[in-house]
């Protein structure tokens, strides 16, 4: 992943003994952040100390520091890595003073409980050794780019989680997958993004260490160096939050736009809408512990609440984030919003007709919010090899794309990595990414082997209940008091009927005709006494992605198979003869 990450992790060797491997991150992550900020602040330290002596009011000081250095954050301590080691006896106290004297917006060390670690390091006789090691590393952005720093942080966290044997569904999104997501997200708006002085907002409700926000900004500035992208994010893991915030601070962003907390239960940006939204939520992680709060919010918010369309099973919260993102997209009348979210395969098809997940898909499709779904190659993530998909959502589609969904099979666009990183053995190269983005841009003209464009209603179906008569002891159909046939529960069956059965393009409006045609052709010839219970017909939506790209491969001719079998039999007989001697 990163030579810098390996180097920093090697410092952990010094911690062996007093610290267990799953505790290394508690020391290394905050010290890496501290050294990074220390290197950034070093050139202006004298200026800031002079200003601090003149201005007691923190707000005034912040303004003056910003004017003098161009940075919104500062540190007024007399200590830094440059002189911490000079006072051997006071090292722990001086380091604590250094952390305490950051400007109020740098609250990241609180999330590591780092002062406790300082005391533990001192007690173990390791503090001086560790500080000496970090002092030797230059982490200034001129030496270590933001991208390399992001890689290093994620490498450390991944190693830390492996040591702790973490099994959560959190997946750090690899940079190559984020780049593809960013390119797809901006593909429809690239022309707009070149306007002079353009200001846009980007939001990630599962910000992690801020990788998506950083790469999206890189993309926009690559298109238009004068553009301004306001970055907003929320993260519930304390360490990831601290890293994300310090990363954005180092780049001069407004750190108050990064919030700590659980997006699902405590949306830090209530009422705010964004031009672009991105997310890689945890997969297959249950939300039972939040179910009460989320259900309550849904009931109280009514039809305009973020979870109004439906709730997924409590065993997997991915679709809650999907709904949240849609809720955060800027309204079409204000210019519209686009969102990109990476999820595993289950949101495409899980849940039966009129279940929560099916209702969510129905709402998304009937409101024409799904622009494209792209299947990523497997073995893309560091801790899972499962199939994943990018959903691109848009509430103000280009006129050509209205009423349609593009499915792109990107599973074959990958390059083998020289060395596996955990489960990640494949990466999407620049060339691979360009091919996938071209498929998206080409839309109806794209190669049909890799791209399909379907109407929104082509994902709909009805589930019908097929009944058969109960027979009495004389083998005659039983009837109730009104003379109606009684149904036999043991012979009851269900059938799924696609909206598009027999070429229908009437969508949901073709319900009676299409279901009856299906029943007449597919059911009744086999069970003439069957009937449909029309009161139990349910409407469902699913996106059978792999079915649309399935290619039938005929089996080999029988003669060829027989010939192979004969060869193997002959070989076995020969071996037996050798054994018999």
Foldseek 3Di string as FASTA:
>chain_A
DAPVLVLLVVLLVLVPPLDALLCSCLASLVLVLQLQVLLLAVVCLVVLLVLVVVDVDLVVSQVVCCVVPVASKHFNQPDGLVCLVVDVVCNLVSVVNRVVRIRPLLPLNVLSVVNVVSVSCVVVVNNNVSSVSSSPDNNYCVVQPLVSVVVSSVSNVVSSCVSVVDDFLDFDADLQVLLLLLCLQCVVPLVVLQDAAAEFEEEEAACFLNSNVVVNVVVSCVSHVRYHYQYAYEHARSSRLSNNLSSVSSVRHDSVRYYYDHCQQDNPDPPAAGQEYEYEDGFQAFDVVCVVRNVVQCVVVPCLDLLVQFADPRRTHPVSVVSVNVSRWDAVVVPWHKYKYKYADCLQADDDFPHRSQSSLVVCLVQQFWAEKEWAAALATQAGRGIMIMTMTINHDDPVRGQKYKYFYLRVQWDADPDHRHSRGIGHDPVSSVLRSVQSVCQVNHDLLGMDMDGSLQQKKKKWKKWAFDADPVRHGDADPVRHTDTDVVPIDIDIFTCCPPHDPPRPVCVPVRVVVCCVPPPCVVPVRMDIPVVPMGMGGGRPNVVSNDDDDDDDDPVVVVVVVVVVVVVVVVVVVVVVD
